[in-house]
């Protein structure tokens, strides 16, 4: 099976940058570890987007990071083989906002 292309929407890019900066301020290099974990997660999603659970109206899937308390929320455009990453959010936030 061919890999899917990943498209990170602007809101998710902003969330990613903010999280990176927050971690990097806490400890030099920690932001880079966070980015590496996001990259690994996105590679896993691109390899098999149906690996992670659908939630909230079966529109979005949520891929949790193994170490950092973040989730990658995405939807799959099967016909174009594209993954739209709509958010990279901290697990303390309410994920139901993606359903509305």
PDB file of N, CA and C in Angstrom:
ATOM      1  N   UNK A   1       0.844  -1.183   0.000  1.00  0.00           N
ATOM      2  CA  UNK A   1       0.000   0.000   0.000  1.00  0.00           C
ATOM      3  C   UNK A   1       0.889   1.247   0.000  1.00  0.00           C
ATOM      4  N   UNK A   2       0.589   2.161  -0.896  1.00  0.00           N
ATOM      5  CA  UNK A   2       1.361   3.407  -0.985  1.00  0.00           C
ATOM      6  C   UNK A   2       1.023   4.318   0.184  1.00  0.00           C
ATOM      7  N   UNK A   3       2.013   5.093   0.556  1.00  0.00           N
ATOM      8  CA  UNK A   3       1.845   6.017   1.666  1.00  0.00           C
ATOM      9  C   UNK A   3       0.941   7.181   1.276  1.00  0.00           C
ATOM     10  N   UNK A   4       0.255   7.735   2.270  1.00  0.00           N
ATOM     11  CA  UNK A   4      -0.571   8.921   2.084  1.00  0.00           C
ATOM     12  C   UNK A   4       0.299  10.165   2.237  1.00  0.00           C
ATOM     13  N   UNK A   5      -0.123  11.259   1.618  1.00  0.00           N
ATOM     14  CA  UNK A   5       0.538  12.547   1.803  1.00  0.00           C
ATOM     15  C   UNK A   5      -0.083  13.243   3.004  1.00  0.00           C
ATOM     16  N   UNK A   6       0.740  13.950   3.750  1.00  0.00           N
ATOM     17  CA  UNK A   6       0.291  14.673   4.940  1.00  0.00           C
ATOM     18  C   UNK A   6       0.202  16.152   4.622  1.00  0.00           C
ATOM     19  N   UNK A   7      -0.937  16.757   4.945  1.00  0.00           N
ATOM     20  CA  UNK A   7      -1.126  18.198   4.824  1.00  0.00           C
ATOM     21  C   UNK A   7      -1.484  18.719   6.209  1.00  0.00           C
ATOM     22  N   UNK A   8      -0.618  19.542   6.774  1.00  0.00           N
ATOM     23  CA  UNK A   8      -0.859  20.105   8.104  1.00  0.00           C
ATOM     24  C   UNK A   8      -1.525  21.458   7.921  1.00  0.00           C
ATOM     25  N   UNK A   9      -2.758  21.566   8.406  1.00  0.00           N
ATOM     26  CA  UNK A   9      -3.499  22.820   8.274  1.00  0.00           C
ATOM     27  C   UNK A   9      -2.875  23.892   9.158  1.00  0.00           C
ATOM     28  N   UNK A  10      -3.136  25.142   8.822  1.00  0.00           N
ATOM     29  CA  UNK A  10      -2.489  26.276   9.492  1.00  0.00           C
ATOM     30  C   UNK A  10      -2.719  26.266  11.002  1.00  0.00           C
ATOM     31  N   UNK A  11      -3.928  25.955  11.442  1.00  0.00           N
ATOM     32  CA  UNK A  11      -4.188  25.938  12.885  1.00  0.00           C
ATOM     33  C   UNK A  11      -3.311  24.903  13.584  1.00  0.00           C
ATOM     34  N   UNK A  12      -3.133  23.755  12.955  1.00  0.00           N
ATOM     35  CA  UNK A  12      -2.282  22.714  13.537  1.00  0.00           C
ATOM     36  C   UNK A  12      -0.815  23.144  13.531  1.00  0.00           C
ATOM     37  N   UNK A  13      -0.399  23.841  12.489  1.00  0.00           N
ATOM     38  CA  UNK A  13       0.988  24.346  12.435  1.00  0.00           C
ATOM     39  C   UNK A  13       1.245  25.320  13.577  1.00  0.00           C
ATOM     40  N   UNK A  14       0.284  26.180  13.841  1.00  0.00           N
ATOM     41  CA  UNK A  14       0.421  27.149  14.937  1.00  0.00           C
ATOM     42  C   UNK A  14       0.504  26.415  16.271  1.00  0.00           C
ATOM     43  N   UNK A  15      -0.369  25.428  16.474  1.00  0.00           N
ATOM     44  CA  UNK A  15      -0.338  24.643  17.712  1.00  0.00           C
ATOM     45  C   UNK A  15       0.996  23.926  17.873  1.00  0.00           C
ATOM     46  N   UNK A  16       1.503  23.391  16.790  1.00  0.00           N
ATOM     47  CA  UNK A  16       2.788  22.693  16.814  1.00  0.00           C
ATOM     48  C   UNK A  16       3.916  23.646  17.201  1.00  0.00           C
ATOM     49  N   UNK A  17       3.936  24.820  16.609  1.00  0.00           N
ATOM     50  CA  UNK A  17       4.972  25.811  16.911  1.00  0.00           C
ATOM     51  C   UNK A  17       4.894  26.263  18.369  1.00  0.00           C
ATOM     52  N   UNK A  18       3.678  26.505  18.855  1.00  0.00           N
ATOM     53  CA  UNK A  18       3.511  26.938  20.245  1.00  0.00           C
ATOM     54  C   UNK A  18       3.984  25.862  21.217  1.00  0.00           C
ATOM     55  N   UNK A  19       3.645  24.609  20.939  1.00  0.00           N
ATOM     56  CA  UNK A  19       4.066  23.508  21.812  1.00  0.00           C
ATOM     57  C   UNK A  19       5.587  23.355  21.777  1.00  0.00           C
ATOM     58  N   UNK A  20       6.160  23.442  20.583  1.00  0.00           N
ATOM     59  CA  UNK A  20       7.620  23.361  20.448  1.00  0.00           C
ATOM     60  C   UNK A  20       8.290  24.435  21.302  1.00  0.00           C
ATOM     61  N   UNK A  21       7.829  25.670  21.172  1.00  0.00           N
ATOM     62  CA  UNK A  21       8.425  26.780  21.920  1.00  0.00           C
ATOM     63  C   UNK A  21       8.270  26.578  23.425  1.00  0.00           C
ATOM     64  N   UNK A  22       7.111  26.093  23.861  1.00  0.00           N
ATOM     65  CA  UNK A  22       6.868  25.863  25.284  1.00  0.00           C
ATOM     66  C   UNK A  22       7.863  24.838  25.824  1.00  0.00           C
ATOM     67  N   UNK A  23       8.006  23.720  25.121  1.00  0.00           N
ATOM     68  CA  UNK A  23       8.943  22.683  25.569  1.00  0.00           C
ATOM     69  C   UNK A  23      10.391  23.160  25.506  1.00  0.00           C
ATOM     70  N   UNK A  24      10.727  23.894  24.485  1.00  0.00           N
ATOM     71  CA  UNK A  24      12.107  24.367  24.332  1.00  0.00           C
ATOM     72  C   UNK A  24      12.467  25.357  25.438  1.00  0.00           C
ATOM     73  N   UNK A  25      11.499  26.153  25.896  1.00  0.00           N
ATOM     74  CA  UNK A  25      11.753  27.079  27.008  1.00  0.00           C
ATOM     75  C   UNK A  25      11.973  26.323  28.310  1.00  0.00           C
ATOM     76  N   UNK A  26      11.324  25.170  28.441  1.00  0.00           N
ATOM     77  CA  UNK A  26      11.471  24.377  29.660  1.00  0.00           C
ATOM     78  C   UNK A  26      12.852  23.739  29.740  1.00  0.00           C
ATOM     79  N   UNK A  27      13.317  23.228  28.601  1.00  0.00           N
ATOM     80  CA  UNK A  27      14.633  22.582  28.566  1.00  0.00           C
ATOM     81  C   UNK A  27      15.122  22.565  27.127  1.00  0.00           C
ATOM     82  N   UNK A  28      16.328  23.057  26.916  1.00  0.00           N
ATOM     83  CA  UNK A  28      16.904  23.073  25.575  1.00  0.00           C
ATOM     84  C   UNK A  28      16.951  21.650  25.022  1.00  0.00           C
ATOM     85  N   UNK A  29      16.438  21.490  23.825  1.00  0.00           N
ATOM     86  CA  UNK A  29      16.414  20.183  23.174  1.00  0.00           C
ATOM     87  C   UNK A  29      15.106  19.434  23.347  1.00  0.00           C
ATOM     88  N   UNK A  30      14.326  19.808  24.359  1.00  0.00           N
ATOM     89  CA  UNK A  30      13.056  19.119  24.590  1.00  0.00           C
ATOM     90  C   UNK A  30      12.062  19.400  23.467  1.00  0.00           C
ATOM     91  N   UNK A  31      12.103  20.605  22.937  1.00  0.00           N
ATOM     92  CA  UNK A  31      11.251  20.938  21.795  1.00  0.00           C
ATOM     93  C   UNK A  31      11.589  20.082  20.586  1.00  0.00           C
ATOM     94  N   UNK A  32      12.874  19.827  20.390  1.00  0.00           N
ATOM     95  CA  UNK A  32      13.294  18.966  19.282  1.00  0.00           C
ATOM     96  C   UNK A  32      12.830  17.528  19.481  1.00  0.00           C
ATOM     97  N   UNK A  33      12.845  17.050  20.725  1.00  0.00           N
ATOM     98  CA  UNK A  33      12.326  15.704  21.008  1.00  0.00           C
ATOM     99  C   UNK A  33      10.834  15.641  20.713  1.00  0.00           C
ATOM    100  N   UNK A  34      10.122  16.716  21.042  1.00  0.00           N
ATOM    101  CA  UNK A  34       8.688  16.784  20.756  1.00  0.00           C
ATOM    102  C   UNK A  34       8.446  16.716  19.246  1.00  0.00           C
ATOM    103  N   UNK A  35       9.205  17.494  18.481  1.00  0.00           N
ATOM    104  CA  UNK A  35       9.063  17.495  17.016  1.00  0.00           C
ATOM    105  C   UNK A  35       9.378  16.112  16.449  1.00  0.00           C
ATOM    106  N   UNK A  36      10.401  15.459  16.979  1.00  0.00           N
ATOM    107  CA  UNK A  36      10.748  14.113  16.509  1.00  0.00           C
ATOM    108  C   UNK A  36       9.607  13.135  16.774  1.00  0.00           C
ATOM    109  N   UNK A  37       8.960  13.282  17.918  1.00  0.00           N
ATOM    110  CA  UNK A  37       7.837  12.395  18.227  1.00  0.00           C
ATOM    111  C   UNK A  37       6.642  12.674  17.318  1.00  0.00           C
ATOM    112  N   UNK A  38       6.392  13.944  17.039  1.00  0.00           N
ATOM    113  CA  UNK A  38       5.327  14.305  16.091  1.00  0.00           C
ATOM    114  C   UNK A  38       5.639  13.705  14.724  1.00  0.00           C
ATOM    115  N   UNK A  39       6.871  13.819  14.296  1.00  0.00           N
ATOM    116  CA  UNK A  39       7.282  13.283  12.998  1.00  0.00           C
ATOM    117  C   UNK A  39       7.048  11.775  12.927  1.00  0.00           C
ATOM    118  N   UNK A  40       7.418  11.069  13.971  1.00  0.00           N
ATOM    119  CA  UNK A  40       7.189   9.628  14.015  1.00  0.00           C
ATOM    120  C   UNK A  40       5.714   9.282  13.964  1.00  0.00           C
ATOM    121  N   UNK A  41       4.914  10.058  14.674  1.00  0.00           N
ATOM    122  CA  UNK A  41       3.467   9.846  14.668  1.00  0.00           C
ATOM    123  C   UNK A  41       2.893  10.082  13.277  1.00  0.00           C
ATOM    124  N   UNK A  42       3.313  11.161  12.626  1.00  0.00           N
ATOM    125  CA  UNK A  42       2.812  11.466  11.283  1.00  0.00           C
ATOM    126  C   UNK A  42       3.237  10.401  10.277  1.00  0.00           C
ATOM    127  N   UNK A  43       4.438   9.864  10.426  1.00  0.00           N
ATOM    128  CA  UNK A  43       4.872   8.770   9.552  1.00  0.00           C
ATOM    129  C   UNK A  43       3.990   7.543   9.742  1.00  0.00           C
ATOM    130  N   UNK A  44       3.643   7.257  10.982  1.00  0.00           N
ATOM    131  CA  UNK A  44       2.765   6.130  11.277  1.00  0.00           C
ATOM    132  C   UNK A  44       1.381   6.340  10.669  1.00  0.00           C
ATOM    133  N   UNK A  45       0.866   7.558  10.783  1.00  0.00           N
ATOM    134  CA  UNK A  45      -0.436   7.897  10.192  1.00  0.00           C
ATOM    135  C   UNK A  45      -0.372   7.776   8.674  1.00  0.00           C
ATOM    136  N   UNK A  46       0.703   8.264   8.068  1.00  0.00           N
ATOM    137  CA  UNK A  46       0.840   8.200   6.607  1.00  0.00           C
ATOM    138  C   UNK A  46       0.920   6.757   6.118  1.00  0.00           C
ATOM    139  N   UNK A  47       1.555   5.893   6.896  1.00  0.00           N
ATOM    140  CA  UNK A  47       1.660   4.480   6.528  1.00  0.00           C
ATOM    141  C   UNK A  47       0.324   3.754   6.637  1.00  0.00           C
ATOM    142  N   UNK A  48      -0.438   4.083   7.676  1.00  0.00           N
ATOM    143  CA  UNK A  48      -1.714   3.411   7.905  1.00  0.00           C
ATOM    144  C   UNK A  48      -2.673   4.348   8.632  1.00  0.00           C
ATOM    145  N   UNK A  49      -3.397   5.200   7.903  1.00  0.00           N
ATOM    146  CA  UNK A  49      -4.271   6.182   8.543  1.00  0.00           C
ATOM    147  C   UNK A  49      -5.455   5.571   9.282  1.00  0.00           C
ATOM    148  N   UNK A  50      -5.754   4.314   9.024  1.00  0.00           N
ATOM    149  CA  UNK A  50      -6.898   3.672   9.678  1.00  0.00           C
ATOM    150  C   UNK A  50      -6.502   2.930  10.948  1.00  0.00           C
ATOM    151  N   UNK A  51      -5.262   3.093  11.344  1.00  0.00           N
ATOM    152  CA  UNK A  51      -4.731   2.454  12.545  1.00  0.00           C
ATOM    153  C   UNK A  51      -5.334   3.042  13.820  1.00  0.00           C
ATOM    154  N   UNK A  52      -5.689   4.308  13.772  1.00  0.00           N
ATOM    155  CA  UNK A  52      -6.149   5.008  14.967  1.00  0.00           C
ATOM    156  C   UNK A  52      -7.669   5.163  14.965  1.00  0.00           C
ATOM    157  N   UNK A  53      -8.234   5.292  16.148  1.00  0.00           N
ATOM    158  CA  UNK A  53      -9.688   5.291  16.330  1.00  0.00           C
ATOM    159  C   UNK A  53     -10.366   6.524  15.745  1.00  0.00           C
ATOM    160  N   UNK A  54     -11.563   6.285  15.189  1.00  0.00           N
ATOM    161  CA  UNK A  54     -12.435   7.382  14.762  1.00  0.00           C
ATOM    162  C   UNK A  54     -13.264   7.800  15.961  1.00  0.00           C
ATOM    163  N   UNK A  55     -13.525   9.086  16.027  1.00  0.00           N
ATOM    164  CA  UNK A  55     -14.341   9.607  17.127  1.00  0.00           C
ATOM    165  C   UNK A  55     -15.160  10.786  16.638  1.00  0.00           C
ATOM    166  N   UNK A  56     -16.155  11.130  17.441  1.00  0.00           N
ATOM    167  CA  UNK A  56     -16.946  12.334  17.219  1.00  0.00           C
ATOM    168  C   UNK A  56     -17.530  12.402  15.815  1.00  0.00           C
ATOM    169  N   UNK A  57     -18.489  11.528  15.575  1.00  0.00           N
ATOM    170  CA  UNK A  57     -19.172  11.543  14.293  1.00  0.00           C
ATOM    171  C   UNK A  57     -18.413  10.833  13.194  1.00  0.00           C
ATOM    172  N   UNK A  58     -17.377  10.092  13.563  1.00  0.00           N
ATOM    173  CA  UNK A  58     -16.583   9.317  12.620  1.00  0.00           C
ATOM    174  C   UNK A  58     -15.951  10.182  11.532  1.00  0.00           C
ATOM    175  N   UNK A  59     -15.689  11.425  11.862  1.00  0.00           N
ATOM    176  CA  UNK A  59     -15.051  12.344  10.920  1.00  0.00           C
ATOM    177  C   UNK A  59     -13.548  12.392  11.154  1.00  0.00           C
ATOM    178  N   UNK A  60     -13.159  12.446  12.405  1.00  0.00           N
ATOM    179  CA  UNK A  60     -11.752  12.612  12.753  1.00  0.00           C
ATOM    180  C   UNK A  60     -11.190  11.361  13.403  1.00  0.00           C
ATOM    181  N   UNK A  61      -9.902  11.189  13.230  1.00  0.00           N
ATOM    182  CA  UNK A  61      -9.162  10.149  13.936  1.00  0.00           C
ATOM    183  C   UNK A  61      -8.153  10.844  14.843  1.00  0.00           C
ATOM    184  N   UNK A  62      -7.791  10.172  15.928  1.00  0.00           N
ATOM    185  CA  UNK A  62      -6.908  10.754  16.924  1.00  0.00           C
ATOM    186  C   UNK A  62      -5.732   9.822  17.180  1.00  0.00           C
ATOM    187  N   UNK A  63      -4.540  10.313  16.890  1.00  0.00           N
ATOM    188  CA  UNK A  63      -3.314   9.540  17.089  1.00  0.00           C
ATOM    189  C   UNK A  63      -2.563  10.114  18.289  1.00  0.00           C
ATOM    190  N   UNK A  64      -2.514   9.383  19.402  1.00  0.00           N
ATOM    191  CA  UNK A  64      -1.810   9.890  20.582  1.00  0.00           C
ATOM    192  C   UNK A  64      -0.296   9.734  20.440  1.00  0.00           C
ATOM    193  N   UNK A  65       0.420  10.671  21.027  1.00  0.00           N
ATOM    194  CA  UNK A  65       1.879  10.556  21.085  1.00  0.00           C
ATOM    195  C   UNK A  65       2.240   9.633  22.248  1.00  0.00           C
ATOM    196  N   UNK A  66       3.287   8.828  22.096  1.00  0.00           N
ATOM    197  CA  UNK A  66       3.634   7.888  23.167  1.00  0.00           C
ATOM    198  C   UNK A  66       4.181   8.545  24.435  1.00  0.00           C
ATOM    199  N   UNK A  67       4.930   9.640  24.310  1.00  0.00           N
ATOM    200  CA  UNK A  67       5.581  10.236  25.475  1.00  0.00           C
ATOM    201  C   UNK A  67       4.931  11.551  25.892  1.00  0.00           C
ATOM    202  N   UNK A  68       4.733  12.445  24.962  1.00  0.00           N
ATOM    203  CA  UNK A  68       4.177  13.760  25.268  1.00  0.00           C
ATOM    204  C   UNK A  68       2.650  13.679  25.317  1.00  0.00           C
ATOM    205  N   UNK A  69       2.017  14.500  26.173  1.00  0.00           N
ATOM    206  CA  UNK A  69       0.555  14.433  26.318  1.00  0.00           C
ATOM    207  C   UNK A  69      -0.176  15.205  25.211  1.00  0.00           C
ATOM    208  N   UNK A  70       0.031  14.777  23.981  1.00  0.00           N
ATOM    209  CA  UNK A  70      -0.574  15.415  22.815  1.00  0.00           C
ATOM    210  C   UNK A  70      -1.226  14.365  21.936  1.00  0.00           C
ATOM    211  N   UNK A  71      -2.188  14.828  21.148  1.00  0.00           N
ATOM    212  CA  UNK A  71      -2.899  13.987  20.190  1.00  0.00           C
ATOM    213  C   UNK A  71      -2.892  14.707  18.849  1.00  0.00           C
ATOM    214  N   UNK A  72      -2.691  13.956  17.778  1.00  0.00           N
ATOM    215  CA  UNK A  72      -2.796  14.488  16.421  1.00  0.00           C
ATOM    216  C   UNK A  72      -4.191  14.143  15.914  1.00  0.00           C
ATOM    217  N   UNK A  73      -4.992  15.167  15.635  1.00  0.00           N
ATOM    218  CA  UNK A  73      -6.341  14.969  15.092  1.00  0.00           C
ATOM    219  C   UNK A  73      -6.273  15.150  13.580  1.00  0.00           C
ATOM    220  N   UNK A  74      -6.841  14.180  12.849  1.00  0.00           N
ATOM    221  CA  UNK A  74      -6.748  14.240  11.391  1.00  0.00           C
ATOM    222  C   UNK A  74      -7.965  13.602  10.746  1.00  0.00           C
ATOM    223  N   UNK A  75      -8.125  13.896   9.468  1.00  0.00           N
ATOM    224  CA  UNK A  75      -9.149  13.237   8.655  1.00  0.00           C
ATOM    225  C   UNK A  75      -8.481  12.760   7.370  1.00  0.00           C
ATOM    226  N   UNK A  76      -9.040  11.727   6.805  1.00  0.00           N
ATOM    227  CA  UNK A  76      -8.453  11.092   5.626  1.00  0.00           C
ATOM    228  C   UNK A  76      -9.286  11.390   4.389  1.00  0.00           C
ATOM    229  N   UNK A  77      -8.625  11.830   3.342  1.00  0.00           N
ATOM    230  CA  UNK A  77      -9.253  12.015   2.033  1.00  0.00           C
ATOM    231  C   UNK A  77      -8.796  10.832   1.178  1.00  0.00           C
ATOM    232  N   UNK A  78      -9.538   9.744   1.258  1.00  0.00           N
ATOM    233  CA  UNK A  78      -9.137   8.479   0.638  1.00  0.00           C
ATOM    234  C   UNK A  78      -8.903   8.606  -0.861  1.00  0.00           C
ATOM    235  N   UNK A  79      -9.820   9.266  -1.556  1.00  0.00           N
ATOM    236  CA  UNK A  79      -9.723   9.340  -3.018  1.00  0.00           C
ATOM    237  C   UNK A  79      -8.468  10.075  -3.491  1.00  0.00           C
ATOM    238  N   UNK A  80      -7.971  11.003  -2.680  1.00  0.00           N
ATOM    239  CA  UNK A  80      -6.761  11.752  -3.037  1.00  0.00           C
ATOM    240  C   UNK A  80      -5.527  11.255  -2.282  1.00  0.00           C
ATOM    241  N   UNK A  81      -5.744  10.307  -1.358  1.00  0.00           N
ATOM    242  CA  UNK A  81      -4.673   9.754  -0.529  1.00  0.00           C
ATOM    243  C   UNK A  81      -3.938  10.861   0.238  1.00  0.00           C
ATOM    244  N   UNK A  82      -4.751  11.723   0.844  1.00  0.00           N
ATOM    245  CA  UNK A  82      -4.230  12.852   1.622  1.00  0.00           C
ATOM    246  C   UNK A  82      -4.758  12.756   3.048  1.00  0.00           C
ATOM    247  N   UNK A  83      -3.896  13.069   3.992  1.00  0.00           N
ATOM    248  CA  UNK A  83      -4.259  13.188   5.398  1.00  0.00           C
ATOM    249  C   UNK A  83      -4.245  14.675   5.736  1.00  0.00           C
ATOM    250  N   UNK A  84      -5.369  15.199   6.221  1.00  0.00           N
ATOM    251  CA  UNK A  84      -5.428  16.585   6.702  1.00  0.00           C
ATOM    252  C   UNK A  84      -5.265  16.561   8.217  1.00  0.00           C
ATOM    253  N   UNK A  85      -4.162  17.094   8.708  1.00  0.00           N
ATOM    254  CA  UNK A  85      -3.964  17.236  10.149  1.00  0.00           C
ATOM    255  C   UNK A  85      -4.646  18.534  10.548  1.00  0.00           C
ATOM    256  N   UNK A  86      -5.711  18.417  11.338  1.00  0.00           N
ATOM    257  CA  UNK A  86      -6.491  19.596  11.699  1.00  0.00           C
ATOM    258  C   UNK A  86      -6.063  20.193  13.029  1.00  0.00           C
ATOM    259  N   UNK A  87      -5.424  19.384  13.882  1.00  0.00           N
ATOM    260  CA  UNK A  87      -4.989  19.912  15.167  1.00  0.00           C
ATOM    261  C   UNK A  87      -3.929  19.008  15.781  1.00  0.00           C
ATOM    262  N   UNK A  88      -3.052  19.629  16.533  1.00  0.00           N
ATOM    263  CA  UNK A  88      -2.090  18.926  17.381  1.00  0.00           C
ATOM    264  C   UNK A  88      -2.305  19.529  18.758  1.00  0.00           C
ATOM    265  N   UNK A  89      -3.077  18.815  19.580  1.00  0.00           N
ATOM    266  CA  UNK A  89      -3.526  19.459  20.810  1.00  0.00           C
ATOM    267  C   UNK A  89      -3.154  18.673  22.058  1.00  0.00           C
ATOM    268  N   UNK A  90      -3.013  19.430  23.135  1.00  0.00           N
ATOM    269  CA  UNK A  90      -2.702  18.859  24.439  1.00  0.00           C
ATOM    270  C   UNK A  90      -3.918  18.086  24.927  1.00  0.00           C
ATOM    271  N   UNK A  91      -3.678  16.957  25.561  1.00  0.00           N
ATOM    272  CA  UNK A  91      -4.785  16.099  25.981  1.00  0.00           C
ATOM    273  C   UNK A  91      -5.644  16.702  27.086  1.00  0.00           C
ATOM    274  N   UNK A  92      -5.219  17.796  27.676  1.00  0.00           N
ATOM    275  CA  UNK A  92      -6.067  18.460  28.671  1.00  0.00           C
ATOM    276  C   UNK A  92      -7.181  19.273  28.013  1.00  0.00           C
ATOM    277  N   UNK A  93      -7.082  19.486  26.697  1.00  0.00           N
ATOM    278  CA  UNK A  93      -8.118  20.223  25.965  1.00  0.00           C
ATOM    279  C   UNK A  93      -9.272  19.302  25.603  1.00  0.00           C
ATOM    280  N   UNK A  94     -10.419  19.891  25.322  1.00  0.00           N
ATOM    281  CA  UNK A  94     -11.610  19.129  24.961  1.00  0.00           C
ATOM    282  C   UNK A  94     -11.583  18.790  23.471  1.00  0.00           C
ATOM    283  N   UNK A  95     -11.469  17.509  23.120  1.00  0.00           N
ATOM    284  CA  UNK A  95     -11.402  17.139  21.702  1.00  0.00           C
ATOM    285  C   UNK A  95     -12.727  17.260  20.969  1.00  0.00           C
ATOM    286  N   UNK A  96     -13.825  17.424  21.666  1.00  0.00           N
ATOM    287  CA  UNK A  96     -15.133  17.504  21.011  1.00  0.00           C
ATOM    288  C   UNK A  96     -15.260  18.724  20.113  1.00  0.00           C
ATOM    289  N   UNK A  97     -14.384  19.703  20.255  1.00  0.00           N
ATOM    290  CA  UNK A  97     -14.459  20.892  19.403  1.00  0.00           C
ATOM    291  C   UNK A  97     -14.281  20.542  17.930  1.00  0.00           C
ATOM    292  N   UNK A  98     -13.674  19.403  17.637  1.00  0.00           N
ATOM    293  CA  UNK A  98     -13.444  19.010  16.254  1.00  0.00           C
ATOM    294  C   UNK A  98     -14.686  18.425  15.612  1.00  0.00           C
ATOM    295  N   UNK A  99     -15.651  18.075  16.442  1.00  0.00           N
ATOM    296  CA  UNK A  99     -16.880  17.477  15.915  1.00  0.00           C
ATOM    297  C   UNK A  99     -17.843  18.537  15.412  1.00  0.00           C
ATOM    298  N   UNK A 100     -17.752  19.726  15.974  1.00  0.00           N
ATOM    299  CA  UNK A 100     -18.700  20.792  15.613  1.00  0.00           C
ATOM    300  C   UNK A 100     -18.287  21.511  14.363  1.00  0.00           C
TER     301      UNK A 100
END
